PDB file of N, CA and C in Angstrom:
ATOM      1  N   UNK A   1      97.765 110.156  84.506  1.00  0.00           N
ATOM      2  CA  UNK A   1      98.443 111.267  85.140  1.00  0.00           C
ATOM      3  C   UNK A   1      99.914 110.952  85.351  1.00  0.00           C
ATOM      4  N   UNK A   2     100.701 111.061  84.317  1.00  0.00           N
ATOM      5  CA  UNK A   2     102.102 110.681  84.451  1.00  0.00           C
ATOM      6  C   UNK A   2     102.902 111.551  85.422  1.00  0.00           C
ATOM      7  N   UNK A   3     102.543 112.787  85.600  1.00  0.00           N
ATOM      8  CA  UNK A   3     103.311 113.679  86.465  1.00  0.00           C
ATOM      9  C   UNK A   3     102.590 114.027  87.760  1.00  0.00           C
ATOM     10  N   UNK A   4     101.597 113.258  88.119  1.00  0.00           N
ATOM     11  CA  UNK A   4     100.850 113.534  89.349  1.00  0.00           C
ATOM     12  C   UNK A   4     101.738 113.249  90.562  1.00  0.00           C
ATOM     13  N   UNK A   5     101.601 114.077  91.561  1.00  0.00           N
ATOM     14  CA  UNK A   5     102.339 113.867  92.806  1.00  0.00           C
ATOM     15  C   UNK A   5     101.726 112.687  93.555  1.00  0.00           C
ATOM     16  N   UNK A   6     102.557 111.910  94.256  1.00  0.00           N
ATOM     17  CA  UNK A   6     102.016 110.785  95.025  1.00  0.00           C
ATOM     18  C   UNK A   6     100.910 111.228  95.987  1.00  0.00           C
ATOM     19  N   UNK A   7     101.075 112.381  96.620  1.00  0.00           N
ATOM     20  CA  UNK A   7     100.065 112.880  97.554  1.00  0.00           C
ATOM     21  C   UNK A   7      98.722 113.099  96.850  1.00  0.00           C
ATOM     22  N   UNK A   8      98.784 113.631  95.622  1.00  0.00           N
ATOM     23  CA  UNK A   8      97.551 113.876  94.866  1.00  0.00           C
ATOM     24  C   UNK A   8      96.867 112.559  94.494  1.00  0.00           C
ATOM     25  N   UNK A   9      97.665 111.567  94.105  1.00  0.00           N
ATOM     26  CA  UNK A   9      97.094 110.261  93.766  1.00  0.00           C
ATOM     27  C   UNK A   9      96.448 109.609  94.988  1.00  0.00           C
ATOM     28  N   UNK A  10      97.090 109.730  96.148  1.00  0.00           N
ATOM     29  CA  UNK A  10      96.507 109.176  97.374  1.00  0.00           C
ATOM     30  C   UNK A  10      95.214 109.902  97.727  1.00  0.00           C
ATOM     31  N   UNK A  11      95.179 111.220  97.535  1.00  0.00           N
ATOM     32  CA  UNK A  11      93.946 111.983  97.767  1.00  0.00           C
ATOM     33  C   UNK A  11      92.832 111.513  96.836  1.00  0.00           C
ATOM     34  N   UNK A  12      93.170 111.286  95.568  1.00  0.00           N
ATOM     35  CA  UNK A  12      92.173 110.812  94.604  1.00  0.00           C
ATOM     36  C   UNK A  12      91.658 109.424  94.987  1.00  0.00           C
ATOM     37  N   UNK A  13      92.560 108.568  95.453  1.00  0.00           N
ATOM     38  CA  UNK A  13      92.151 107.224  95.888  1.00  0.00           C
ATOM     39  C   UNK A  13      91.205 107.327  97.081  1.00  0.00           C
ATOM     40  N   UNK A  14      91.516 108.208  98.026  1.00  0.00           N
ATOM     41  CA  UNK A  14      90.649 108.391  99.193  1.00  0.00           C
ATOM     42  C   UNK A  14      89.279 108.896  98.765  1.00  0.00           C
ATOM     43  N   UNK A  15      89.247 109.825  97.832  1.00  0.00           N
ATOM     44  CA  UNK A  15      87.969 110.344  97.330  1.00  0.00           C
ATOM     45  C   UNK A  15      87.200 109.270  96.565  1.00  0.00           C
ATOM     46  N   UNK A  16      87.916 108.418  95.846  1.00  0.00           N
ATOM     47  CA  UNK A  16      87.249 107.320  95.134  1.00  0.00           C
ATOM     48  C   UNK A  16      86.588 106.364  96.132  1.00  0.00           C
ATOM     49  N   UNK A  17      87.260 106.082  97.236  1.00  0.00           N
ATOM     50  CA  UNK A  17      86.675 105.210  98.257  1.00  0.00           C
ATOM     51  C   UNK A  17      85.474 105.896  98.903  1.00  0.00           C
ATOM     52  N   UNK A  18      85.569 107.197  99.086  1.00  0.00           N
ATOM     53  CA  UNK A  18      84.416 107.952  99.619  1.00  0.00           C
ATOM     54  C   UNK A  18      83.223 107.795  98.680  1.00  0.00           C
ATOM     55  N   UNK A  19      83.471 107.931  97.382  1.00  0.00           N
ATOM     56  CA  UNK A  19      82.415 107.746  96.395  1.00  0.00           C
ATOM     57  C   UNK A  19      81.866 106.332  96.413  1.00  0.00           C
ATOM     58  N   UNK A  20      82.754 105.362  96.584  1.00  0.00           N
ATOM     59  CA  UNK A  20      82.325 103.968  96.684  1.00  0.00           C
ATOM     60  C   UNK A  20      81.433 103.765  97.901  1.00  0.00           C
ATOM     61  N   UNK A  21      81.803 104.363  99.011  1.00  0.00           N
ATOM     62  CA  UNK A  21      80.976 104.242 100.224  1.00  0.00           C
ATOM     63  C   UNK A  21      79.573 104.777  99.987  1.00  0.00           C
ATOM     64  N   UNK A  22      79.469 105.860  99.256  1.00  0.00           N
ATOM     65  CA  UNK A  22      78.137 106.411  98.947  1.00  0.00           C
ATOM     66  C   UNK A  22      77.391 105.507  97.969  1.00  0.00           C
ATOM     67  N   UNK A  23      78.099 104.986  96.975  1.00  0.00           N
ATOM     68  CA  UNK A  23      77.454 104.154  95.951  1.00  0.00           C
ATOM     69  C   UNK A  23      76.966 102.822  96.503  1.00  0.00           C
ATOM     70  N   UNK A  24      77.584 102.348  97.578  1.00  0.00           N
ATOM     71  CA  UNK A  24      77.182 101.045  98.124  1.00  0.00           C
ATOM     72  C   UNK A  24      76.135 101.153  99.228  1.00  0.00           C
ATOM     73  N   UNK A  25      75.635 102.345  99.480  1.00  0.00           N
ATOM     74  CA  UNK A  25      74.539 102.483 100.442  1.00  0.00           C
ATOM     75  C   UNK A  25      73.316 101.770  99.878  1.00  0.00           C
ATOM     76  N   UNK A  26      72.627 101.049 100.713  1.00  0.00           N
ATOM     77  CA  UNK A  26      71.495 100.253 100.222  1.00  0.00           C
ATOM     78  C   UNK A  26      70.417 101.120  99.567  1.00  0.00           C
ATOM     79  N   UNK A  27      70.257 102.345 100.011  1.00  0.00           N
ATOM     80  CA  UNK A  27      69.236 103.221  99.437  1.00  0.00           C
ATOM     81  C   UNK A  27      69.563 103.607  97.992  1.00  0.00           C
ATOM     82  N   UNK A  28      70.807 103.508  97.591  1.00  0.00           N
ATOM     83  CA  UNK A  28      71.207 103.889  96.231  1.00  0.00           C
ATOM     84  C   UNK A  28      70.815 102.835  95.202  1.00  0.00           C
ATOM     85  N   UNK A  29      70.723 101.578  95.636  1.00  0.00           N
ATOM     86  CA  UNK A  29      70.323 100.516  94.720  1.00  0.00           C
ATOM     87  C   UNK A  29      71.351 100.181  93.662  1.00  0.00           C
ATOM     88  N   UNK A  30      72.619 100.503  93.888  1.00  0.00           N
ATOM     89  CA  UNK A  30      73.664 100.218  92.899  1.00  0.00           C
ATOM     90  C   UNK A  30      74.074  98.745  92.905  1.00  0.00           C
ATOM     91  N   UNK A  31      73.913  98.087  94.050  1.00  0.00           N
ATOM     92  CA  UNK A  31      74.219  96.660  94.140  1.00  0.00           C
ATOM     93  C   UNK A  31      72.902  95.899  94.054  1.00  0.00           C
ATOM     94  N   UNK A  32      72.772  95.080  93.014  1.00  0.00           N
ATOM     95  CA  UNK A  32      71.517  94.374  92.786  1.00  0.00           C
ATOM     96  C   UNK A  32      71.716  92.861  92.826  1.00  0.00           C
ATOM     97  N   UNK A  33      72.750  92.375  92.160  1.00  0.00           N
ATOM     98  CA  UNK A  33      72.963  90.948  92.000  1.00  0.00           C
ATOM     99  C   UNK A  33      74.197  90.494  92.778  1.00  0.00           C
ATOM    100  N   UNK A  34      74.261  89.202  93.128  1.00  0.00           N
ATOM    101  CA  UNK A  34      75.469  88.700  93.791  1.00  0.00           C
ATOM    102  C   UNK A  34      76.729  88.979  92.967  1.00  0.00           C
ATOM    103  N   UNK A  35      76.597  88.973  91.657  1.00  0.00           N
ATOM    104  CA  UNK A  35      77.760  89.245  90.800  1.00  0.00           C
ATOM    105  C   UNK A  35      78.273  90.671  90.982  1.00  0.00           C
ATOM    106  N   UNK A  36      77.379  91.587  91.369  1.00  0.00           N
ATOM    107  CA  UNK A  36      77.821  92.961  91.656  1.00  0.00           C
ATOM    108  C   UNK A  36      78.787  92.963  92.838  1.00  0.00           C
ATOM    109  N   UNK A  37      78.430  92.228  93.876  1.00  0.00           N
ATOM    110  CA  UNK A  37      79.297  92.123  95.054  1.00  0.00           C
ATOM    111  C   UNK A  37      80.579  91.376  94.700  1.00  0.00           C
ATOM    112  N   UNK A  38      80.462  90.327  93.896  1.00  0.00           N
ATOM    113  CA  UNK A  38      81.624  89.541  93.476  1.00  0.00           C
ATOM    114  C   UNK A  38      82.648  90.430  92.765  1.00  0.00           C
ATOM    115  N   UNK A  39      82.181  91.228  91.817  1.00  0.00           N
ATOM    116  CA  UNK A  39      83.075  92.115  91.065  1.00  0.00           C
ATOM    117  C   UNK A  39      83.654  93.210  91.953  1.00  0.00           C
ATOM    118  N   UNK A  40      82.839  93.751  92.833  1.00  0.00           N
ATOM    119  CA  UNK A  40      83.292  94.808  93.735  1.00  0.00           C
ATOM    120  C   UNK A  40      84.362  94.293  94.687  1.00  0.00           C
ATOM    121  N   UNK A  41      84.136  93.130  95.278  1.00  0.00           N
ATOM    122  CA  UNK A  41      85.114  92.551  96.198  1.00  0.00           C
ATOM    123  C   UNK A  41      86.417  92.243  95.451  1.00  0.00           C
ATOM    124  N   UNK A  42      86.327  91.785  94.217  1.00  0.00           N
ATOM    125  CA  UNK A  42      87.537  91.519  93.425  1.00  0.00           C
ATOM    126  C   UNK A  42      88.350  92.800  93.230  1.00  0.00           C
ATOM    127  N   UNK A  43      87.671  93.889  92.941  1.00  0.00           N
ATOM    128  CA  UNK A  43      88.368  95.168  92.750  1.00  0.00           C
ATOM    129  C   UNK A  43      88.991  95.665  94.052  1.00  0.00           C
ATOM    130  N   UNK A  44      88.264  95.506  95.147  1.00  0.00           N
ATOM    131  CA  UNK A  44      88.812  95.914  96.447  1.00  0.00           C
ATOM    132  C   UNK A  44      90.014  95.046  96.825  1.00  0.00           C
ATOM    133  N   UNK A  45      89.949  93.780  96.477  1.00  0.00           N
ATOM    134  CA  UNK A  45      91.082  92.885  96.734  1.00  0.00           C
ATOM    135  C   UNK A  45      92.309  93.365  95.952  1.00  0.00           C
ATOM    136  N   UNK A  46      92.092  93.766  94.714  1.00  0.00           N
ATOM    137  CA  UNK A  46      93.192  94.300  93.898  1.00  0.00           C
ATOM    138  C   UNK A  46      93.790  95.545  94.543  1.00  0.00           C
ATOM    139  N   UNK A  47      92.933  96.401  95.042  1.00  0.00           N
ATOM    140  CA  UNK A  47      93.391  97.619  95.709  1.00  0.00           C
ATOM    141  C   UNK A  47      94.279  97.269  96.904  1.00  0.00           C
ATOM    142  N   UNK A  48      93.820  96.339  97.747  1.00  0.00           N
ATOM    143  CA  UNK A  48      94.591  96.006  98.946  1.00  0.00           C
ATOM    144  C   UNK A  48      95.882  95.270  98.598  1.00  0.00           C
ATOM    145  N   UNK A  49      95.892  94.536  97.480  1.00  0.00           N
ATOM    146  CA  UNK A  49      97.113  93.855  97.056  1.00  0.00           C
ATOM    147  C   UNK A  49      98.202  94.853  96.680  1.00  0.00           C
ATOM    148  N   UNK A  50      97.812  96.022  96.246  1.00  0.00           N
ATOM    149  CA  UNK A  50      98.773  97.025  95.777  1.00  0.00           C
ATOM    150  C   UNK A  50      99.292  97.929  96.885  1.00  0.00           C
ATOM    151  N   UNK A  51      98.587  97.993  97.996  1.00  0.00           N
ATOM    152  CA  UNK A  51      98.992  98.893  99.083  1.00  0.00           C
ATOM    153  C   UNK A  51     100.349  98.563  99.700  1.00  0.00           C
ATOM    154  N   UNK A  52     100.683  97.301  99.965  1.00  0.00           N
ATOM    155  CA  UNK A  52     101.973  97.034 100.595  1.00  0.00           C
ATOM    156  C   UNK A  52     103.168  97.601  99.820  1.00  0.00           C
ATOM    157  N   UNK A  53     103.107  97.557  98.507  1.00  0.00           N
ATOM    158  CA  UNK A  53     104.212  98.116  97.717  1.00  0.00           C
ATOM    159  C   UNK A  53     104.377  99.611  97.997  1.00  0.00           C
ATOM    160  N   UNK A  54     103.267 100.330  98.061  1.00  0.00           N
ATOM    161  CA  UNK A  54     103.345 101.767  98.360  1.00  0.00           C
ATOM    162  C   UNK A  54     103.943 101.991  99.746  1.00  0.00           C
ATOM    163  N   UNK A  55     103.477 101.220 100.728  1.00  0.00           N
ATOM    164  CA  UNK A  55     103.981 101.375 102.088  1.00  0.00           C
ATOM    165  C   UNK A  55     105.481 101.076 102.153  1.00  0.00           C
ATOM    166  N   UNK A  56     105.907 100.029 101.464  1.00  0.00           N
ATOM    167  CA  UNK A  56     107.324  99.660 101.466  1.00  0.00           C
ATOM    168  C   UNK A  56     108.170 100.726 100.778  1.00  0.00           C
ATOM    169  N   UNK A  57     107.678 101.294  99.703  1.00  0.00           N
ATOM    170  CA  UNK A  57     108.432 102.325  98.989  1.00  0.00           C
ATOM    171  C   UNK A  57     108.527 103.609  99.804  1.00  0.00           C
ATOM    172  N   UNK A  58     107.471 103.970 100.511  1.00  0.00           N
ATOM    173  CA  UNK A  58     107.527 105.133 101.399  1.00  0.00           C
ATOM    174  C   UNK A  58     108.543 104.873 102.505  1.00  0.00           C
ATOM    175  N   UNK A  59     108.539 103.665 103.043  1.00  0.00           N
ATOM    176  CA  UNK A  59     109.476 103.313 104.102  1.00  0.00           C
ATOM    177  C   UNK A  59     110.922 103.390 103.606  1.00  0.00           C
ATOM    178  N   UNK A  60     111.172 102.888 102.399  1.00  0.00           N
ATOM    179  CA  UNK A  60     112.521 102.986 101.820  1.00  0.00           C
ATOM    180  C   UNK A  60     112.939 104.444 101.657  1.00  0.00           C
ATOM    181  N   UNK A  61     112.013 105.266 101.200  1.00  0.00           N
ATOM    182  CA  UNK A  61     112.292 106.696 101.075  1.00  0.00           C
ATOM    183  C   UNK A  61     112.697 107.282 102.425  1.00  0.00           C
ATOM    184  N   UNK A  62     111.927 106.950 103.465  1.00  0.00           N
ATOM    185  CA  UNK A  62     112.237 107.470 104.800  1.00  0.00           C
ATOM    186  C   UNK A  62     113.585 106.957 105.301  1.00  0.00           C
ATOM    187  N   UNK A  63     113.909 105.704 104.995  1.00  0.00           N
ATOM    188  CA  UNK A  63     115.205 105.153 105.379  1.00  0.00           C
ATOM    189  C   UNK A  63     116.349 105.886 104.706  1.00  0.00           C
ATOM    190  N   UNK A  64     116.181 106.167 103.421  1.00  0.00           N
ATOM    191  CA  UNK A  64     117.215 106.915 102.693  1.00  0.00           C
ATOM    192  C   UNK A  64     117.316 108.342 103.225  1.00  0.00           C
ATOM    193  N   UNK A  65     116.185 108.924 103.531  1.00  0.00           N
ATOM    194  CA  UNK A  65     116.161 110.285 104.064  1.00  0.00           C
ATOM    195  C   UNK A  65     116.881 110.345 105.410  1.00  0.00           C
ATOM    196  N   UNK A  66     116.700 109.323 106.218  1.00  0.00           N
ATOM    197  CA  UNK A  66     117.348 109.273 107.536  1.00  0.00           C
ATOM    198  C   UNK A  66     118.871 109.290 107.396  1.00  0.00           C
ATOM    199  N   UNK A  67     119.372 108.648 106.346  1.00  0.00           N
ATOM    200  CA  UNK A  67     120.823 108.573 106.144  1.00  0.00           C
ATOM    201  C   UNK A  67     121.437 109.918 105.765  1.00  0.00           C
ATOM    202  N   UNK A  68     120.607 110.855 105.299  1.00  0.00           N
ATOM    203  CA  UNK A  68     121.148 112.153 104.879  1.00  0.00           C
ATOM    204  C   UNK A  68     121.512 113.027 106.071  1.00  0.00           C
ATOM    205  N   UNK A  69     120.874 112.783 107.208  1.00  0.00           N
ATOM    206  CA  UNK A  69     121.112 113.624 108.384  1.00  0.00           C
ATOM    207  C   UNK A  69     120.477 114.998 108.259  1.00  0.00           C
ATOM    208  N   UNK A  70     119.625 115.177 107.270  1.00  0.00           N
ATOM    209  CA  UNK A  70     119.022 116.481 107.015  1.00  0.00           C
ATOM    210  C   UNK A  70     117.599 116.598 107.556  1.00  0.00           C
ATOM    211  N   UNK A  71     117.175 115.647 108.368  1.00  0.00           N
ATOM    212  CA  UNK A  71     115.815 115.657 108.895  1.00  0.00           C
ATOM    213  C   UNK A  71     115.850 116.165 110.328  1.00  0.00           C
ATOM    214  N   UNK A  72     114.930 117.058 110.635  1.00  0.00           N
ATOM    215  CA  UNK A  72     114.832 117.583 112.001  1.00  0.00           C
ATOM    216  C   UNK A  72     113.478 117.216 112.582  1.00  0.00           C
ATOM    217  N   UNK A  73     113.346 117.373 113.885  1.00  0.00           N
ATOM    218  CA  UNK A  73     112.078 117.083 114.562  1.00  0.00           C
ATOM    219  C   UNK A  73     111.780 118.185 115.556  1.00  0.00           C
ATOM    220  N   UNK A  74     110.497 118.512 115.713  1.00  0.00           N
ATOM    221  CA  UNK A  74     110.080 119.534 116.678  1.00  0.00           C
ATOM    222  C   UNK A  74     110.338 119.091 118.109  1.00  0.00           C
ATOM    223  N   UNK A  75     110.265 117.787 118.349  1.00  0.00           N
ATOM    224  CA  UNK A  75     110.560 117.238 119.681  1.00  0.00           C
ATOM    225  C   UNK A  75     111.106 115.834 119.482  1.00  0.00           C
ATOM    226  N   UNK A  76     111.847 115.331 120.430  1.00  0.00           N
ATOM    227  CA  UNK A  76     112.465 114.022 120.288  1.00  0.00           C
ATOM    228  C   UNK A  76     113.522 114.064 119.205  1.00  0.00           C
ATOM    229  N   UNK A  77     113.909 112.878 118.753  1.00  0.00           N
ATOM    230  CA  UNK A  77     114.910 112.825 117.688  1.00  0.00           C
ATOM    231  C   UNK A  77     114.249 112.456 116.374  1.00  0.00           C
ATOM    232  N   UNK A  78     114.775 112.986 115.299  1.00  0.00           N
ATOM    233  CA  UNK A  78     114.250 112.678 113.970  1.00  0.00           C
ATOM    234  C   UNK A  78     114.351 111.183 113.697  1.00  0.00           C
ATOM    235  N   UNK A  79     115.461 110.580 114.123  1.00  0.00           N
ATOM    236  CA  UNK A  79     115.640 109.144 113.891  1.00  0.00           C
ATOM    237  C   UNK A  79     114.553 108.326 114.576  1.00  0.00           C
ATOM    238  N   UNK A  80     114.172 108.719 115.794  1.00  0.00           N
ATOM    239  CA  UNK A  80     113.107 107.999 116.498  1.00  0.00           C
ATOM    240  C   UNK A  80     111.778 108.123 115.746  1.00  0.00           C
ATOM    241  N   UNK A  81     111.459 109.318 115.286  1.00  0.00           N
ATOM    242  CA  UNK A  81     110.202 109.523 114.553  1.00  0.00           C
ATOM    243  C   UNK A  81     110.209 108.759 113.228  1.00  0.00           C
ATOM    244  N   UNK A  82     111.352 108.780 112.529  1.00  0.00           N
ATOM    245  CA  UNK A  82     111.455 108.043 111.272  1.00  0.00           C
ATOM    246  C   UNK A  82     111.315 106.547 111.514  1.00  0.00           C
ATOM    247  N   UNK A  83     111.931 106.051 112.581  1.00  0.00           N
ATOM    248  CA  UNK A  83     111.820 104.629 112.905  1.00  0.00           C
ATOM    249  C   UNK A  83     110.372 104.257 113.236  1.00  0.00           C
ATOM    250  N   UNK A  84     109.686 105.105 113.977  1.00  0.00           N
ATOM    251  CA  UNK A  84     108.276 104.834 114.307  1.00  0.00           C
ATOM    252  C   UNK A  84     107.414 104.845 113.050  1.00  0.00           C
ATOM    253  N   UNK A  85     107.677 105.792 112.157  1.00  0.00           N
ATOM    254  CA  UNK A  85     106.909 105.864 110.911  1.00  0.00           C
ATOM    255  C   UNK A  85     107.143 104.614 110.079  1.00  0.00           C
ATOM    256  N   UNK A  86     108.400 104.174 109.991  1.00  0.00           N
ATOM    257  CA  UNK A  86     108.720 102.980 109.211  1.00  0.00           C
ATOM    258  C   UNK A  86     108.106 101.730 109.840  1.00  0.00           C
ATOM    259  N   UNK A  87     108.080 101.672 111.149  1.00  0.00           N
ATOM    260  CA  UNK A  87     107.446 100.553 111.837  1.00  0.00           C
ATOM    261  C   UNK A  87     105.939 100.537 111.553  1.00  0.00           C
ATOM    262  N   UNK A  88     105.330 101.703 111.604  1.00  0.00           N
ATOM    263  CA  UNK A  88     103.902 101.802 111.302  1.00  0.00           C
ATOM    264  C   UNK A  88     103.592 101.378 109.879  1.00  0.00           C
ATOM    265  N   UNK A  89     104.448 101.763 108.940  1.00  0.00           N
ATOM    266  CA  UNK A  89     104.246 101.375 107.542  1.00  0.00           C
ATOM    267  C   UNK A  89     104.426  99.865 107.353  1.00  0.00           C
ATOM    268  N   UNK A  90     105.387  99.277 108.065  1.00  0.00           N
ATOM    269  CA  UNK A  90     105.566  97.819 107.984  1.00  0.00           C
ATOM    270  C   UNK A  90     104.332  97.103 108.525  1.00  0.00           C
ATOM    271  N   UNK A  91     103.796  97.609 109.623  1.00  0.00           N
ATOM    272  CA  UNK A  91     102.561  97.023 110.175  1.00  0.00           C
ATOM    273  C   UNK A  91     101.401  97.191 109.206  1.00  0.00           C
ATOM    274  N   UNK A  92     101.304  98.356 108.587  1.00  0.00           N
ATOM    275  CA  UNK A  92     100.229  98.603 107.622  1.00  0.00           C
ATOM    276  C   UNK A  92     100.332  97.640 106.442  1.00  0.00           C
ATOM    277  N   UNK A  93     101.551  97.331 105.999  1.00  0.00           N
ATOM    278  CA  UNK A  93     101.731  96.384 104.895  1.00  0.00           C
ATOM    279  C   UNK A  93     101.231  94.997 105.295  1.00  0.00           C
ATOM    280  N   UNK A  94     101.529  94.579 106.522  1.00  0.00           N
ATOM    281  CA  UNK A  94     101.043  93.276 107.005  1.00  0.00           C
ATOM    282  C   UNK A  94      99.523  93.256 107.123  1.00  0.00           C
ATOM    283  N   UNK A  95      98.968  94.342 107.615  1.00  0.00           N
ATOM    284  CA  UNK A  95      97.514  94.426 107.760  1.00  0.00           C
ATOM    285  C   UNK A  95      96.845  94.432 106.387  1.00  0.00           C
ATOM    286  N   UNK A  96      97.435  95.124 105.424  1.00  0.00           N
ATOM    287  CA  UNK A  96      96.880  95.135 104.066  1.00  0.00           C
ATOM    288  C   UNK A  96      96.901  93.728 103.479  1.00  0.00           C
ATOM    289  N   UNK A  97      97.960  92.968 103.755  1.00  0.00           N
ATOM    290  CA  UNK A  97      98.023  91.583 103.278  1.00  0.00           C
ATOM    291  C   UNK A  97      96.934  90.741 103.932  1.00  0.00           C
ATOM    292  N   UNK A  98      96.721  90.960 105.220  1.00  0.00           N
ATOM    293  CA  UNK A  98      95.650  90.243 105.924  1.00  0.00           C
ATOM    294  C   UNK A  98      94.290  90.623 105.339  1.00  0.00           C
ATOM    295  N   UNK A  99      94.098  91.892 105.058  1.00  0.00           N
ATOM    296  CA  UNK A  99      92.857  92.359 104.441  1.00  0.00           C
ATOM    297  C   UNK A  99      92.666  91.711 103.074  1.00  0.00           C
ATOM    298  N   UNK A 100      93.741  91.626 102.304  1.00  0.00           N
ATOM    299  CA  UNK A 100      93.678  90.959 101.004  1.00  0.00           C
ATOM    300  C   UNK A 100      93.253  89.507 101.161  1.00  0.00           C
ATOM    301  N   UNK A 101      93.829  88.829 102.148  1.00  0.00           N
ATOM    302  CA  UNK A 101      93.483  87.425 102.380  1.00  0.00           C
ATOM    303  C   UNK A 101      91.991  87.274 102.708  1.00  0.00           C
ATOM    304  N   UNK A 102      91.472  88.151 103.524  1.00  0.00           N
ATOM    305  CA  UNK A 102      90.055  88.080 103.896  1.00  0.00           C
ATOM    306  C   UNK A 102      89.151  88.421 102.711  1.00  0.00           C
ATOM    307  N   UNK A 103      89.561  89.380 101.907  1.00  0.00           N
ATOM    308  CA  UNK A 103      88.783  89.706 100.713  1.00  0.00           C
ATOM    309  C   UNK A 103      88.816  88.552  99.713  1.00  0.00           C
ATOM    310  N   UNK A 104      89.940  87.864  99.627  1.00  0.00           N
ATOM    311  CA  UNK A 104      90.034  86.698  98.760  1.00  0.00           C
ATOM    312  C   UNK A 104      89.061  85.613  99.220  1.00  0.00           C
ATOM    313  N   UNK A 105      88.980  85.430 100.539  1.00  0.00           N
ATOM    314  CA  UNK A 105      88.035  84.469 101.115  1.00  0.00           C
ATOM    315  C   UNK A 105      86.595  84.865 100.764  1.00  0.00           C
ATOM    316  N   UNK A 106      86.258  86.137 100.941  1.00  0.00           N
ATOM    317  CA  UNK A 106      84.907  86.611 100.616  1.00  0.00           C
ATOM    318  C   UNK A 106      84.631  86.468  99.125  1.00  0.00           C
ATOM    319  N   UNK A 107      85.613  86.797  98.291  1.00  0.00           N
ATOM    320  CA  UNK A 107      85.459  86.703  96.846  1.00  0.00           C
ATOM    321  C   UNK A 107      85.178  85.259  96.430  1.00  0.00           C
ATOM    322  N   UNK A 108      85.920  84.328  97.010  1.00  0.00           N
ATOM    323  CA  UNK A 108      85.698  82.910  96.708  1.00  0.00           C
ATOM    324  C   UNK A 108      84.306  82.452  97.143  1.00  0.00           C
ATOM    325  N   UNK A 109      83.859  82.949  98.288  1.00  0.00           N
ATOM    326  CA  UNK A 109      82.533  82.574  98.783  1.00  0.00           C
ATOM    327  C   UNK A 109      81.428  83.119  97.887  1.00  0.00           C
ATOM    328  N   UNK A 110      81.654  84.248  97.254  1.00  0.00           N
ATOM    329  CA  UNK A 110      80.642  84.850  96.382  1.00  0.00           C
ATOM    330  C   UNK A 110      80.587  84.186  95.009  1.00  0.00           C
ATOM    331  N   UNK A 111      81.663  83.518  94.613  1.00  0.00           N
ATOM    332  CA  UNK A 111      81.766  82.936  93.275  1.00  0.00           C
ATOM    333  C   UNK A 111      80.607  82.043  92.861  1.00  0.00           C
ATOM    334  N   UNK A 112      80.159  81.122  93.688  1.00  0.00           N
ATOM    335  CA  UNK A 112      79.100  80.210  93.250  1.00  0.00           C
ATOM    336  C   UNK A 112      77.690  80.790  93.285  1.00  0.00           C
ATOM    337  N   UNK A 113      77.542  82.009  93.764  1.00  0.00           N
ATOM    338  CA  UNK A 113      76.194  82.564  93.934  1.00  0.00           C
ATOM    339  C   UNK A 113      75.606  83.067  92.621  1.00  0.00           C
ATOM    340  N   UNK A 114      74.305  82.873  92.480  1.00  0.00           N
ATOM    341  CA  UNK A 114      73.544  83.393  91.354  1.00  0.00           C
ATOM    342  C   UNK A 114      72.340  84.133  91.873  1.00  0.00           C
ATOM    343  N   UNK A 115      71.495  84.586  90.980  1.00  0.00           N
ATOM    344  CA  UNK A 115      70.307  85.348  91.355  1.00  0.00           C
ATOM    345  C   UNK A 115      69.118  84.777  90.613  1.00  0.00           C
ATOM    346  N   UNK A 116      68.041  84.493  91.340  1.00  0.00           N
ATOM    347  CA  UNK A 116      66.859  83.929  90.688  1.00  0.00           C
ATOM    348  C   UNK A 116      65.611  84.771  90.928  1.00  0.00           C
ATOM    349  N   UNK A 117      65.791  85.956  91.474  1.00  0.00           N
ATOM    350  CA  UNK A 117      64.650  86.829  91.745  1.00  0.00           C
ATOM    351  C   UNK A 117      64.249  87.620  90.516  1.00  0.00           C
ATOM    352  N   UNK A 118      63.310  88.525  90.690  1.00  0.00           N
ATOM    353  CA  UNK A 118      62.863  89.345  89.562  1.00  0.00           C
ATOM    354  C   UNK A 118      63.981  90.271  89.079  1.00  0.00           C
ATOM    355  N   UNK A 119      63.974  90.528  87.794  1.00  0.00           N
ATOM    356  CA  UNK A 119      64.953  91.457  87.208  1.00  0.00           C
ATOM    357  C   UNK A 119      64.224  92.560  86.463  1.00  0.00           C
ATOM    358  N   UNK A 120      64.913  93.625  86.225  1.00  0.00           N
ATOM    359  CA  UNK A 120      64.337  94.727  85.438  1.00  0.00           C
ATOM    360  C   UNK A 120      64.059  94.277  84.004  1.00  0.00           C
ATOM    361  N   UNK A 121      64.826  93.287  83.497  1.00  0.00           N
ATOM    362  CA  UNK A 121      64.637  92.805  82.137  1.00  0.00           C
ATOM    363  C   UNK A 121      63.256  92.178  81.938  1.00  0.00           C
ATOM    364  N   UNK A 122      62.746  91.493  82.970  1.00  0.00           N
ATOM    365  CA  UNK A 122      61.451  90.840  82.825  1.00  0.00           C
ATOM    366  C   UNK A 122      60.341  91.877  82.753  1.00  0.00           C
ATOM    367  N   UNK A 123      60.543  93.035  83.376  1.00  0.00           N
ATOM    368  CA  UNK A 123      59.535  94.100  83.307  1.00  0.00           C
ATOM    369  C   UNK A 123      59.423  94.655  81.884  1.00  0.00           C
ATOM    370  N   UNK A 124      60.533  94.623  81.139  1.00  0.00           N
ATOM    371  CA  UNK A 124      60.523  95.163  79.776  1.00  0.00           C
ATOM    372  C   UNK A 124      59.819  94.247  78.782  1.00  0.00           C
ATOM    373  N   UNK A 125      59.623  92.978  79.158  1.00  0.00           N
ATOM    374  CA  UNK A 125      58.979  92.028  78.248  1.00  0.00           C
ATOM    375  C   UNK A 125      57.469  92.227  78.180  1.00  0.00           C
ATOM    376  N   UNK A 126      56.893  92.969  79.089  1.00  0.00           N
ATOM    377  CA  UNK A 126      55.434  93.132  79.123  1.00  0.00           C
ATOM    378  C   UNK A 126      54.916  93.985  78.013  1.00  0.00           C
TER     379      UNK A 126
END
């Protein structure tokens, strides 16, 4: 989607996570082997690694917008609201990095795991 609006891409990402939440419900049976969790955690780690860049770019946009003097606010000052938004985005970038670190830890812990239980493949041999 080369011409997709950032808002639309964020909506699609949110919907993808919603779908992931449904797919990982234990009743769905989509996660069977430790390697399934290993691959899933790796993908989630990639997602969280990319979030800080988005937050920083939004913050830069807001900083540039503040310099134009063309922003208004329903209450308080526009500069105060922009500063609060930028502060929140900076915090979100730090939290995303922390989340990435924890996912990296979980991913490493999953690496040595294997599966020795019954598989669907053994049922086909009968």
